Amino acid sequence: MRTWVINWLLSTLSLLVAAWIVPGIQVRGALAALAAGALIGFLNATLGLVLKILTLPLTIVTLGLFLLVVNALMFWLAAAIVPGFSVRGFWSAFLGALLMSLAGILLRRLVVA
C-alpha cells in the first residue's frame, strides 16, 4: 500500500512538472493533479495495455515509437475526464506524456536510491 501511494504521489509530481514545462497543459489545483495522476496510471494499466497489445505490429515496425502515441492518447483521455486538468491538443499531450514519463523515471530513481 505504501509503495502504491508513493508511486501515485511521484506520478502526480511528474504531471505537475510536465504541466509547468508544456504550455498546452493546465492543472488547476492539487486535487485535479492527484486525480489526473491516478487516472493516467489506471488508464495506462488497463486501456493502455489493451491498446499496446492490439498495436503490437505497428509498435514493432516503428521500433517502439508508437508506444509514445498510445501514452499520449491515455494522457489526453485523462484530460477529457478529469475536471481541472486540460490539454490543448495532441502534441501537447504527446510532450506532456513524454515529460511525465521522463520526470517519473528521474523521481523514482531519486526516491529509491
PDB file of N, CA and C in Angstrom:
ATOM      1  N   MET A   1       0.828  -1.199   0.000  1.00  0.00           N
ATOM      2  CA  MET A   1       0.000   0.000   0.000  1.00  0.00           C
ATOM      3  C   MET A   1       0.865   1.253   0.000  1.00  0.00           C
ATOM      4  N   ARG A   2       1.900   1.238   0.806  1.00  0.00           N
ATOM      5  CA  ARG A   2       2.784   2.409   0.906  1.00  0.00           C
ATOM      6  C   ARG A   2       3.483   2.671  -0.426  1.00  0.00           C
ATOM      7  N   THR A   3       3.909   1.607  -1.112  1.00  0.00           N
ATOM      8  CA  THR A   3       4.579   1.751  -2.407  1.00  0.00           C
ATOM      9  C   THR A   3       3.630   2.361  -3.432  1.00  0.00           C
ATOM     10  N   TRP A   4       2.363   1.926  -3.394  1.00  0.00           N
ATOM     11  CA  TRP A   4       1.382   2.448  -4.327  1.00  0.00           C
ATOM     12  C   TRP A   4       1.169   3.945  -4.105  1.00  0.00           C
ATOM     13  N   VAL A   5       1.088   4.358  -2.868  1.00  0.00           N
ATOM     14  CA  VAL A   5       0.881   5.779  -2.553  1.00  0.00           C
ATOM     15  C   VAL A   5       2.094   6.597  -2.988  1.00  0.00           C
ATOM     16  N   ILE A   6       3.278   6.086  -2.762  1.00  0.00           N
ATOM     17  CA  ILE A   6       4.493   6.799  -3.182  1.00  0.00           C
ATOM     18  C   ILE A   6       4.513   6.942  -4.701  1.00  0.00           C
ATOM     19  N   ASN A   7       4.187   5.865  -5.434  1.00  0.00           N
ATOM     20  CA  ASN A   7       4.149   5.940  -6.896  1.00  0.00           C
ATOM     21  C   ASN A   7       3.095   6.931  -7.383  1.00  0.00           C
ATOM     22  N   TRP A   8       1.945   6.955  -6.713  1.00  0.00           N
ATOM     23  CA  TRP A   8       0.883   7.889  -7.078  1.00  0.00           C
ATOM     24  C   TRP A   8       1.345   9.329  -6.872  1.00  0.00           C
ATOM     25  N   LEU A   9       1.986   9.609  -5.750  1.00  0.00           N
ATOM     26  CA  LEU A   9       2.474  10.961  -5.486  1.00  0.00           C
ATOM     27  C   LEU A   9       3.579  11.359  -6.452  1.00  0.00           C
ATOM     28  N   LEU A  10       4.450  10.422  -6.799  1.00  0.00           N
ATOM     29  CA  LEU A  10       5.507  10.716  -7.765  1.00  0.00           C
ATOM     30  C   LEU A  10       4.922  10.955  -9.157  1.00  0.00           C
ATOM     31  N   SER A  11       3.888  10.212  -9.519  1.00  0.00           N
ATOM     32  CA  SER A  11       3.221  10.443 -10.804  1.00  0.00           C
ATOM     33  C   SER A  11       2.557  11.813 -10.827  1.00  0.00           C
ATOM     34  N   THR A  12       1.950  12.178  -9.712  1.00  0.00           N
ATOM     35  CA  THR A  12       1.319  13.494  -9.624  1.00  0.00           C
ATOM     36  C   THR A  12       2.361  14.598  -9.738  1.00  0.00           C
ATOM     37  N   LEU A  13       3.471  14.423  -9.062  1.00  0.00           N
ATOM     38  CA  LEU A  13       4.545  15.415  -9.139  1.00  0.00           C
ATOM     39  C   LEU A  13       5.111  15.505 -10.557  1.00  0.00           C
ATOM     40  N   SER A  14       5.284  14.360 -11.221  1.00  0.00           N
ATOM     41  CA  SER A  14       5.797  14.388 -12.592  1.00  0.00           C
ATOM     42  C   SER A  14       4.776  15.017 -13.548  1.00  0.00           C
ATOM     43  N   LEU A  15       3.484  14.854 -13.263  1.00  0.00           N
ATOM     44  CA  LEU A  15       2.452  15.524 -14.054  1.00  0.00           C
ATOM     45  C   LEU A  15       2.552  17.037 -13.887  1.00  0.00           C
ATOM     46  N   LEU A  16       2.776  17.488 -12.670  1.00  0.00           N
ATOM     47  CA  LEU A  16       2.924  18.923 -12.422  1.00  0.00           C
ATOM     48  C   LEU A  16       4.160  19.487 -13.110  1.00  0.00           C
ATOM     49  N   VAL A  17       5.229  18.705 -13.157  1.00  0.00           N
ATOM     50  CA  VAL A  17       6.437  19.127 -13.882  1.00  0.00           C
ATOM     51  C   VAL A  17       6.119  19.288 -15.366  1.00  0.00           C
ATOM     52  N   ALA A  18       5.402  18.301 -15.934  1.00  0.00           N
ATOM     53  CA  ALA A  18       5.032  18.374 -17.348  1.00  0.00           C
ATOM     54  C   ALA A  18       4.131  19.579 -17.614  1.00  0.00           C
ATOM     55  N   ALA A  19       3.195  19.841 -16.712  1.00  0.00           N
ATOM     56  CA  ALA A  19       2.294  20.992 -16.885  1.00  0.00           C
ATOM     57  C   ALA A  19       3.047  22.313 -16.766  1.00  0.00           C
ATOM     58  N   TRP A  20       4.086  22.327 -15.956  1.00  0.00           N
ATOM     59  CA  TRP A  20       4.888  23.537 -15.796  1.00  0.00           C
ATOM     60  C   TRP A  20       5.707  23.831 -17.055  1.00  0.00           C
ATOM     61  N   ILE A  21       6.157  22.780 -17.742  1.00  0.00           N
ATOM     62  CA  ILE A  21       7.031  22.955 -18.907  1.00  0.00           C
ATOM     63  C   ILE A  21       6.238  23.131 -20.201  1.00  0.00           C
ATOM     64  N   VAL A  22       5.201  22.343 -20.403  1.00  0.00           N
ATOM     65  CA  VAL A  22       4.445  22.369 -21.668  1.00  0.00           C
ATOM     66  C   VAL A  22       3.322  23.408 -21.563  1.00  0.00           C
ATOM     67  N   PRO A  23       3.316  24.404 -22.444  1.00  0.00           N
ATOM     68  CA  PRO A  23       2.326  25.470 -22.340  1.00  0.00           C
ATOM     69  C   PRO A  23       0.884  25.022 -22.587  1.00  0.00           C
ATOM     70  N   GLY A  24       0.651  23.940 -23.297  1.00  0.00           N
ATOM     71  CA  GLY A  24      -0.702  23.498 -23.612  1.00  0.00           C
ATOM     72  C   GLY A  24      -1.367  22.662 -22.535  1.00  0.00           C
ATOM     73  N   ILE A  25      -0.704  22.484 -21.396  1.00  0.00           N
ATOM     74  CA  ILE A  25      -1.252  21.663 -20.321  1.00  0.00           C
ATOM     75  C   ILE A  25      -1.532  22.547 -19.115  1.00  0.00           C
ATOM     76  N   GLN A  26      -2.739  22.407 -18.560  1.00  0.00           N
ATOM     77  CA  GLN A  26      -3.098  23.169 -17.366  1.00  0.00           C
ATOM     78  C   GLN A  26      -3.644  22.226 -16.296  1.00  0.00           C
ATOM     79  N   VAL A  27      -3.170  22.429 -15.081  1.00  0.00           N
ATOM     80  CA  VAL A  27      -3.688  21.696 -13.926  1.00  0.00           C
ATOM     81  C   VAL A  27      -4.136  22.745 -12.923  1.00  0.00           C
ATOM     82  N   ARG A  28      -5.423  22.717 -12.587  1.00  0.00           N
ATOM     83  CA  ARG A  28      -5.985  23.707 -11.669  1.00  0.00           C
ATOM     84  C   ARG A  28      -6.212  23.078 -10.298  1.00  0.00           C
ATOM     85  N   GLY A  29      -5.197  23.118  -9.470  1.00  0.00           N
ATOM     86  CA  GLY A  29      -5.355  22.642  -8.100  1.00  0.00           C
ATOM     87  C   GLY A  29      -4.739  21.284  -7.833  1.00  0.00           C
ATOM     88  N   ALA A  30      -4.482  21.057  -6.564  1.00  0.00           N
ATOM     89  CA  ALA A  30      -3.848  19.816  -6.138  1.00  0.00           C
ATOM     90  C   ALA A  30      -4.772  18.618  -6.318  1.00  0.00           C
ATOM     91  N   LEU A  31      -6.053  18.801  -6.083  1.00  0.00           N
ATOM     92  CA  LEU A  31      -6.998  17.699  -6.225  1.00  0.00           C
ATOM     93  C   LEU A  31      -7.080  17.231  -7.676  1.00  0.00           C
ATOM     94  N   ALA A  32      -7.078  18.169  -8.606  1.00  0.00           N
ATOM     95  CA  ALA A  32      -7.090  17.814 -10.028  1.00  0.00           C
ATOM     96  C   ALA A  32      -5.808  17.074 -10.402  1.00  0.00           C
ATOM     97  N   ALA A  33      -4.676  17.514  -9.855  1.00  0.00           N
ATOM     98  CA  ALA A  33      -3.403  16.840 -10.146  1.00  0.00           C
ATOM     99  C   ALA A  33      -3.395  15.425  -9.579  1.00  0.00           C
ATOM    100  N   LEU A  34      -3.888  15.245  -8.364  1.00  0.00           N
ATOM    101  CA  LEU A  34      -3.949  13.911  -7.763  1.00  0.00           C
ATOM    102  C   LEU A  34      -4.887  12.998  -8.544  1.00  0.00           C
ATOM    103  N   ALA A  35      -6.039  13.526  -8.935  1.00  0.00           N
ATOM    104  CA  ALA A  35      -6.996  12.719  -9.706  1.00  0.00           C
ATOM    105  C   ALA A  35      -6.437  12.356 -11.070  1.00  0.00           C
ATOM    106  N   ALA A  36      -5.802  13.316 -11.728  1.00  0.00           N
ATOM    107  CA  ALA A  36      -5.232  13.053 -13.047  1.00  0.00           C
ATOM    108  C   ALA A  36      -4.081  12.052 -12.961  1.00  0.00           C
ATOM    109  N   GLY A  37      -3.237  12.179 -11.959  1.00  0.00           N
ATOM    110  CA  GLY A  37      -2.141  11.223 -11.785  1.00  0.00           C
ATOM    111  C   GLY A  37      -2.641   9.809 -11.579  1.00  0.00           C
ATOM    112  N   ALA A  38      -3.695   9.666 -10.770  1.00  0.00           N
ATOM    113  CA  ALA A  38      -4.278   8.343 -10.529  1.00  0.00           C
ATOM    114  C   ALA A  38      -4.947   7.806 -11.791  1.00  0.00           C
ATOM    115  N   LEU A  39      -5.677   8.662 -12.494  1.00  0.00           N
ATOM    116  CA  LEU A  39      -6.389   8.210 -13.688  1.00  0.00           C
ATOM    117  C   LEU A  39      -5.425   7.844 -14.815  1.00  0.00           C
ATOM    118  N   ILE A  40      -4.368   8.604 -14.997  1.00  0.00           N
ATOM    119  CA  ILE A  40      -3.386   8.276 -16.029  1.00  0.00           C
ATOM    120  C   ILE A  40      -2.757   6.915 -15.738  1.00  0.00           C
ATOM    121  N   GLY A  41      -2.414   6.677 -14.482  1.00  0.00           N
ATOM    122  CA  GLY A  41      -1.865   5.375 -14.111  1.00  0.00           C
ATOM    123  C   GLY A  41      -2.854   4.250 -14.353  1.00  0.00           C
ATOM    124  N   PHE A  42      -4.130   4.474 -13.994  1.00  0.00           N
ATOM    125  CA  PHE A  42      -5.164   3.466 -14.200  1.00  0.00           C
ATOM    126  C   PHE A  42      -5.391   3.208 -15.687  1.00  0.00           C
ATOM    127  N   LEU A  43      -5.474   4.278 -16.482  1.00  0.00           N
ATOM    128  CA  LEU A  43      -5.687   4.115 -17.920  1.00  0.00           C
ATOM    129  C   LEU A  43      -4.525   3.392 -18.582  1.00  0.00           C
ATOM    130  N   ASN A  44      -3.306   3.717 -18.191  1.00  0.00           N
ATOM    131  CA  ASN A  44      -2.140   3.029 -18.763  1.00  0.00           C
ATOM    132  C   ASN A  44      -2.119   1.548 -18.391  1.00  0.00           C
ATOM    133  N   ALA A  45      -2.604   1.228 -17.200  1.00  0.00           N
ATOM    134  CA  ALA A  45      -2.601  -0.168 -16.753  1.00  0.00           C
ATOM    135  C   ALA A  45      -3.740  -0.983 -17.358  1.00  0.00           C
ATOM    136  N   THR A  46      -4.795  -0.347 -17.822  1.00  0.00           N
ATOM    137  CA  THR A  46      -5.953  -1.078 -18.344  1.00  0.00           C
ATOM    138  C   THR A  46      -6.093  -0.869 -19.849  1.00  0.00           C
ATOM    139  N   LEU A  47      -6.691   0.239 -20.240  1.00  0.00           N
ATOM    140  CA  LEU A  47      -6.926   0.518 -21.652  1.00  0.00           C
ATOM    141  C   LEU A  47      -5.616   0.637 -22.426  1.00  0.00           C
ATOM    142  N   GLY A  48      -4.625   1.262 -21.815  1.00  0.00           N
ATOM    143  CA  GLY A  48      -3.326   1.400 -22.475  1.00  0.00           C
ATOM    144  C   GLY A  48      -2.682   0.050 -22.762  1.00  0.00           C
ATOM    145  N   LEU A  49      -2.816  -0.872 -21.832  1.00  0.00           N
ATOM    146  CA  LEU A  49      -2.262  -2.214 -22.033  1.00  0.00           C
ATOM    147  C   LEU A  49      -2.945  -2.914 -23.195  1.00  0.00           C
ATOM    148  N   VAL A  50      -4.271  -2.798 -23.260  1.00  0.00           N
ATOM    149  CA  VAL A  50      -5.017  -3.407 -24.365  1.00  0.00           C
ATOM    150  C   VAL A  50      -4.591  -2.791 -25.691  1.00  0.00           C
ATOM    151  N   LEU A  51      -4.478  -1.464 -25.740  1.00  0.00           N
ATOM    152  CA  LEU A  51      -4.046  -0.793 -26.970  1.00  0.00           C
ATOM    153  C   LEU A  51      -2.626  -1.187 -27.363  1.00  0.00           C
ATOM    154  N   LYS A  52      -1.748  -1.342 -26.377  1.00  0.00           N
ATOM    155  CA  LYS A  52      -0.373  -1.741 -26.683  1.00  0.00           C
ATOM    156  C   LYS A  52      -0.322  -3.149 -27.260  1.00  0.00           C
ATOM    157  N   ILE A  53      -1.178  -4.032 -26.798  1.00  0.00           N
ATOM    158  CA  ILE A  53      -1.226  -5.388 -27.351  1.00  0.00           C
ATOM    159  C   ILE A  53      -1.810  -5.363 -28.761  1.00  0.00           C
ATOM    160  N   LEU A  54      -2.897  -4.610 -28.959  1.00  0.00           N
ATOM    161  CA  LEU A  54      -3.535  -4.542 -30.276  1.00  0.00           C
ATOM    162  C   LEU A  54      -2.644  -3.886 -31.331  1.00  0.00           C
ATOM    163  N   THR A  55      -1.825  -2.949 -30.925  1.00  0.00           N
ATOM    164  CA  THR A  55      -0.974  -2.228 -31.883  1.00  0.00           C
ATOM    165  C   THR A  55       0.461  -2.762 -31.896  1.00  0.00           C
ATOM    166  N   LEU A  56       0.645  -3.975 -31.403  1.00  0.00           N
ATOM    167  CA  LEU A  56       1.992  -4.556 -31.350  1.00  0.00           C
ATOM    168  C   LEU A  56       2.684  -4.593 -32.717  1.00  0.00           C
ATOM    169  N   PRO A  57       1.998  -4.993 -33.814  1.00  0.00           N
ATOM    170  CA  PRO A  57       2.694  -4.967 -35.116  1.00  0.00           C
ATOM    171  C   PRO A  57       3.192  -3.572 -35.497  1.00  0.00           C
ATOM    172  N   LEU A  58       2.357  -2.555 -35.254  1.00  0.00           N
ATOM    173  CA  LEU A  58       2.769  -1.182 -35.563  1.00  0.00           C
ATOM    174  C   LEU A  58       3.920  -0.736 -34.657  1.00  0.00           C
ATOM    175  N   THR A  59       3.884  -1.183 -33.418  1.00  0.00           N
ATOM    176  CA  THR A  59       4.961  -0.860 -32.481  1.00  0.00           C
ATOM    177  C   THR A  59       6.274  -1.485 -32.933  1.00  0.00           C
ATOM    178  N   ILE A  60       6.208  -2.696 -33.424  1.00  0.00           N
ATOM    179  CA  ILE A  60       7.425  -3.375 -33.908  1.00  0.00           C
ATOM    180  C   ILE A  60       7.979  -2.663 -35.136  1.00  0.00           C
ATOM    181  N   VAL A  61       7.089  -2.294 -36.066  1.00  0.00           N
ATOM    182  CA  VAL A  61       7.526  -1.611 -37.286  1.00  0.00           C
ATOM    183  C   VAL A  61       8.180  -0.268 -36.965  1.00  0.00           C
ATOM    184  N   THR A  62       7.656   0.447 -35.961  1.00  0.00           N
ATOM    185  CA  THR A  62       8.197   1.766 -35.606  1.00  0.00           C
ATOM    186  C   THR A  62       9.277   1.681 -34.532  1.00  0.00           C
ATOM    187  N   LEU A  63       9.728   0.470 -34.259  1.00  0.00           N
ATOM    188  CA  LEU A  63      10.783   0.229 -33.264  1.00  0.00           C
ATOM    189  C   LEU A  63      10.404   0.771 -31.877  1.00  0.00           C
ATOM    190  N   GLY A  64       9.141   0.643 -31.531  1.00  0.00           N
ATOM    191  CA  GLY A  64       8.674   1.032 -30.206  1.00  0.00           C
ATOM    192  C   GLY A  64       8.206   2.460 -30.079  1.00  0.00           C
ATOM    193  N   LEU A  65       8.371   3.270 -31.100  1.00  0.00           N
ATOM    194  CA  LEU A  65       7.989   4.679 -31.008  1.00  0.00           C
ATOM    195  C   LEU A  65       6.482   4.881 -30.938  1.00  0.00           C
ATOM    196  N   PHE A  66       5.704   3.915 -31.451  1.00  0.00           N
ATOM    197  CA  PHE A  66       4.249   4.061 -31.392  1.00  0.00           C
ATOM    198  C   PHE A  66       3.739   3.996 -29.961  1.00  0.00           C
ATOM    199  N   LEU A  67       4.511   3.425 -29.053  1.00  0.00           N
ATOM    200  CA  LEU A  67       4.126   3.399 -27.640  1.00  0.00           C
ATOM    201  C   LEU A  67       3.983   4.817 -27.084  1.00  0.00           C
ATOM    202  N   LEU A  68       4.760   5.748 -27.618  1.00  0.00           N
ATOM    203  CA  LEU A  68       4.639   7.145 -27.204  1.00  0.00           C
ATOM    204  C   LEU A  68       3.279   7.720 -27.604  1.00  0.00           C
ATOM    205  N   VAL A  69       2.775   7.293 -28.755  1.00  0.00           N
ATOM    206  CA  VAL A  69       1.463   7.750 -29.208  1.00  0.00           C
ATOM    207  C   VAL A  69       0.370   7.194 -28.301  1.00  0.00           C
ATOM    208  N   VAL A  70       0.481   5.925 -27.922  1.00  0.00           N
ATOM    209  CA  VAL A  70      -0.504   5.318 -27.022  1.00  0.00           C
ATOM    210  C   VAL A  70      -0.492   6.042 -25.673  1.00  0.00           C
ATOM    211  N   ASN A  71       0.693   6.333 -25.145  1.00  0.00           N
ATOM    212  CA  ASN A  71       0.790   7.071 -23.882  1.00  0.00           C
ATOM    213  C   ASN A  71       0.183   8.464 -24.007  1.00  0.00           C
ATOM    214  N   ALA A  72       0.401   9.121 -25.136  1.00  0.00           N
ATOM    215  CA  ALA A  72      -0.183  10.452 -25.355  1.00  0.00           C
ATOM    216  C   ALA A  72      -1.707  10.368 -25.392  1.00  0.00           C
ATOM    217  N   LEU A  73      -2.251   9.322 -26.000  1.00  0.00           N
ATOM    218  CA  LEU A  73      -3.699   9.167 -26.051  1.00  0.00           C
ATOM    219  C   LEU A  73      -4.280   8.937 -24.658  1.00  0.00           C
ATOM    220  N   MET A  74      -3.588   8.183 -23.813  1.00  0.00           N
ATOM    221  CA  MET A  74      -4.059   7.966 -22.441  1.00  0.00           C
ATOM    222  C   MET A  74      -4.003   9.274 -21.642  1.00  0.00           C
ATOM    223  N   PHE A  75      -2.972  10.062 -21.872  1.00  0.00           N
ATOM    224  CA  PHE A  75      -2.813  11.375 -21.239  1.00  0.00           C
ATOM    225  C   PHE A  75      -3.954  12.299 -21.646  1.00  0.00           C
ATOM    226  N   TRP A  76      -4.255  12.303 -22.929  1.00  0.00           N
ATOM    227  CA  TRP A  76      -5.303  13.158 -23.494  1.00  0.00           C
ATOM    228  C   TRP A  76      -6.678  12.722 -22.997  1.00  0.00           C
ATOM    229  N   LEU A  77      -6.897  11.410 -22.911  1.00  0.00           N
ATOM    230  CA  LEU A  77      -8.165  10.891 -22.405  1.00  0.00           C
ATOM    231  C   LEU A  77      -8.376  11.283 -20.941  1.00  0.00           C
ATOM    232  N   ALA A  78      -7.316  11.210 -20.156  1.00  0.00           N
ATOM    233  CA  ALA A  78      -7.413  11.616 -18.751  1.00  0.00           C
ATOM    234  C   ALA A  78      -7.794  13.089 -18.649  1.00  0.00           C
ATOM    235  N   ALA A  79      -7.267  13.914 -19.543  1.00  0.00           N
ATOM    236  CA  ALA A  79      -7.606  15.344 -19.532  1.00  0.00           C
ATOM    237  C   ALA A  79      -9.063  15.565 -19.893  1.00  0.00           C
ATOM    238  N   ALA A  80      -9.630  14.690 -20.706  1.00  0.00           N
ATOM    239  CA  ALA A  80     -11.038  14.822 -21.079  1.00  0.00           C
ATOM    240  C   ALA A  80     -11.959  14.413 -19.932  1.00  0.00           C
ATOM    241  N   ILE A  81     -11.457  13.586 -19.023  1.00  0.00           N
ATOM    242  CA  ILE A  81     -12.289  13.057 -17.945  1.00  0.00           C
ATOM    243  C   ILE A  81     -12.167  13.877 -16.660  1.00  0.00           C
ATOM    244  N   VAL A  82     -10.960  14.267 -16.293  1.00  0.00           N
ATOM    245  CA  VAL A  82     -10.718  14.929 -15.003  1.00  0.00           C
ATOM    246  C   VAL A  82     -10.980  16.432 -15.115  1.00  0.00           C
ATOM    247  N   PRO A  83     -11.925  16.954 -14.322  1.00  0.00           N
ATOM    248  CA  PRO A  83     -12.129  18.397 -14.324  1.00  0.00           C
ATOM    249  C   PRO A  83     -10.942  19.106 -13.654  1.00  0.00           C
ATOM    250  N   GLY A  84     -10.525  20.197 -14.244  1.00  0.00           N
ATOM    251  CA  GLY A  84      -9.386  20.933 -13.703  1.00  0.00           C
ATOM    252  C   GLY A  84      -8.065  20.531 -14.335  1.00  0.00           C
ATOM    253  N   PHE A  85      -8.097  19.551 -15.220  1.00  0.00           N
ATOM    254  CA  PHE A  85      -6.900  19.113 -15.941  1.00  0.00           C
ATOM    255  C   PHE A  85      -7.226  19.188 -17.426  1.00  0.00           C
ATOM    256  N   SER A  86      -6.505  20.024 -18.162  1.00  0.00           N
ATOM    257  CA  SER A  86      -6.813  20.186 -19.582  1.00  0.00           C
ATOM    258  C   SER A  86      -5.544  20.137 -20.421  1.00  0.00           C
ATOM    259  N   VAL A  87      -5.717  19.624 -21.625  1.00  0.00           N
ATOM    260  CA  VAL A  87      -4.639  19.539 -22.608  1.00  0.00           C
ATOM    261  C   VAL A  87      -5.183  20.116 -23.899  1.00  0.00           C
ATOM    262  N   ARG A  88      -4.437  21.028 -24.510  1.00  0.00           N
ATOM    263  CA  ARG A  88      -4.924  21.767 -25.671  1.00  0.00           C
ATOM    264  C   ARG A  88      -4.975  20.959 -26.963  1.00  0.00           C
ATOM    265  N   GLY A  89      -4.100  20.021 -27.164  1.00  0.00           N
ATOM    266  CA  GLY A  89      -4.096  19.265 -28.418  1.00  0.00           C
ATOM    267  C   GLY A  89      -3.225  18.030 -28.306  1.00  0.00           C
ATOM    268  N   PHE A  90      -3.148  17.297 -29.428  1.00  0.00           N
ATOM    269  CA  PHE A  90      -2.391  16.055 -29.409  1.00  0.00           C
ATOM    270  C   PHE A  90      -0.917  16.279 -29.085  1.00  0.00           C
ATOM    271  N   TRP A  91      -0.321  17.297 -29.674  1.00  0.00           N
ATOM    272  CA  TRP A  91       1.117  17.489 -29.462  1.00  0.00           C
ATOM    273  C   TRP A  91       1.434  17.910 -28.029  1.00  0.00           C
ATOM    274  N   SER A  92       0.536  18.647 -27.422  1.00  0.00           N
ATOM    275  CA  SER A  92       0.715  18.956 -26.001  1.00  0.00           C
ATOM    276  C   SER A  92       0.604  17.682 -25.171  1.00  0.00           C
ATOM    277  N   ALA A  93      -0.342  16.812 -25.534  1.00  0.00           N
ATOM    278  CA  ALA A  93      -0.489  15.527 -24.840  1.00  0.00           C
ATOM    279  C   ALA A  93       0.741  14.654 -25.062  1.00  0.00           C
ATOM    280  N   PHE A  94       1.258  14.675 -26.277  1.00  0.00           N
ATOM    281  CA  PHE A  94       2.448  13.881 -26.601  1.00  0.00           C
ATOM    282  C   PHE A  94       3.644  14.339 -25.772  1.00  0.00           C
ATOM    283  N   LEU A  95       3.902  15.643 -25.778  1.00  0.00           N
ATOM    284  CA  LEU A  95       5.023  16.178 -24.995  1.00  0.00           C
ATOM    285  C   LEU A  95       4.800  16.001 -23.501  1.00  0.00           C
ATOM    286  N   GLY A  96       3.562  16.188 -23.057  1.00  0.00           N
ATOM    287  CA  GLY A  96       3.244  16.015 -21.644  1.00  0.00           C
ATOM    288  C   GLY A  96       3.463  14.586 -21.179  1.00  0.00           C
ATOM    289  N   ALA A  97       3.003  13.621 -21.972  1.00  0.00           N
ATOM    290  CA  ALA A  97       3.193  12.210 -21.615  1.00  0.00           C
ATOM    291  C   ALA A  97       4.675  11.848 -21.620  1.00  0.00           C
ATOM    292  N   LEU A  98       5.409  12.367 -22.593  1.00  0.00           N
ATOM    293  CA  LEU A  98       6.849  12.090 -22.664  1.00  0.00           C
ATOM    294  C   LEU A  98       7.576  12.691 -21.456  1.00  0.00           C
ATOM    295  N   LEU A  99       7.276  13.946 -21.142  1.00  0.00           N
ATOM    296  CA  LEU A  99       7.915  14.588 -19.988  1.00  0.00           C
ATOM    297  C   LEU A  99       7.485  13.955 -18.668  1.00  0.00           C
ATOM    298  N   MET A 100       6.227  13.547 -18.585  1.00  0.00           N
ATOM    299  CA  MET A 100       5.753  12.893 -17.366  1.00  0.00           C
ATOM    300  C   MET A 100       6.495  11.572 -17.158  1.00  0.00           C
ATOM    301  N   SER A 101       6.714  10.840 -18.233  1.00  0.00           N
ATOM    302  CA  SER A 101       7.453   9.579 -18.127  1.00  0.00           C
ATOM    303  C   SER A 101       8.903   9.817 -17.705  1.00  0.00           C
ATOM    304  N   LEU A 102       9.546  10.779 -18.335  1.00  0.00           N
ATOM    305  CA  LEU A 102      10.951  11.063 -18.004  1.00  0.00           C
ATOM    306  C   LEU A 102      11.099  11.594 -16.579  1.00  0.00           C
ATOM    307  N   ALA A 103      10.215  12.504 -16.183  1.00  0.00           N
ATOM    308  CA  ALA A 103      10.267  13.031 -14.816  1.00  0.00           C
ATOM    309  C   ALA A 103       9.958  11.935 -13.805  1.00  0.00           C
ATOM    310  N   GLY A 104       9.034  11.039 -14.138  1.00  0.00           N
ATOM    311  CA  GLY A 104       8.703   9.928 -13.256  1.00  0.00           C
ATOM    312  C   GLY A 104       9.879   8.995 -13.052  1.00  0.00           C
ATOM    313  N   ILE A 105      10.600   8.706 -14.129  1.00  0.00           N
ATOM    314  CA  ILE A 105      11.789   7.849 -14.024  1.00  0.00           C
ATOM    315  C   ILE A 105      12.817   8.505 -13.132  1.00  0.00           C
ATOM    316  N   LEU A 106      13.065   9.786 -13.346  1.00  0.00           N
ATOM    317  CA  LEU A 106      14.060  10.522 -12.548  1.00  0.00           C
ATOM    318  C   LEU A 106      13.650  10.576 -11.079  1.00  0.00           C
ATOM    319  N   LEU A 107      12.392  10.895 -10.801  1.00  0.00           N
ATOM    320  CA  LEU A 107      11.926  10.990  -9.412  1.00  0.00           C
ATOM    321  C   LEU A 107      11.968   9.633  -8.714  1.00  0.00           C
ATOM    322  N   ARG A 108      11.599   8.574  -9.417  1.00  0.00           N
ATOM    323  CA  ARG A 108      11.639   7.246  -8.796  1.00  0.00           C
ATOM    324  C   ARG A 108      13.077   6.834  -8.480  1.00  0.00           C
ATOM    325  N   ARG A 109      14.006   7.194  -9.340  1.00  0.00           N
ATOM    326  CA  ARG A 109      15.414   6.898  -9.059  1.00  0.00           C
ATOM    327  C   ARG A 109      15.921   7.672  -7.843  1.00  0.00           C
ATOM    328  N   LEU A 110      15.472   8.913  -7.701  1.00  0.00           N
ATOM    329  CA  LEU A 110      15.880   9.718  -6.556  1.00  0.00           C
ATOM    330  C   LEU A 110      15.293   9.189  -5.263  1.00  0.00           C
ATOM    331  N   VAL A 111      14.039   8.724  -5.306  1.00  0.00           N
ATOM    332  CA  VAL A 111      13.374   8.242  -4.113  1.00  0.00           C
ATOM    333  C   VAL A 111      13.908   6.857  -3.715  1.00  0.00           C
ATOM    334  N   VAL A 112      14.123   5.979  -4.675  1.00  0.00           N
ATOM    335  CA  VAL A 112      14.588   4.625  -4.386  1.00  0.00           C
ATOM    336  C   VAL A 112      16.046   4.632  -3.965  1.00  0.00           C
ATOM    337  N   ALA A 113      16.838   5.486  -4.579  1.00  0.00           N
ATOM    338  CA  ALA A 113      18.293   5.499  -4.289  1.00  0.00           C
ATOM    339  C   ALA A 113      18.655   6.126  -3.001  1.00  0.00           C
TER     340      ALA A 113
END
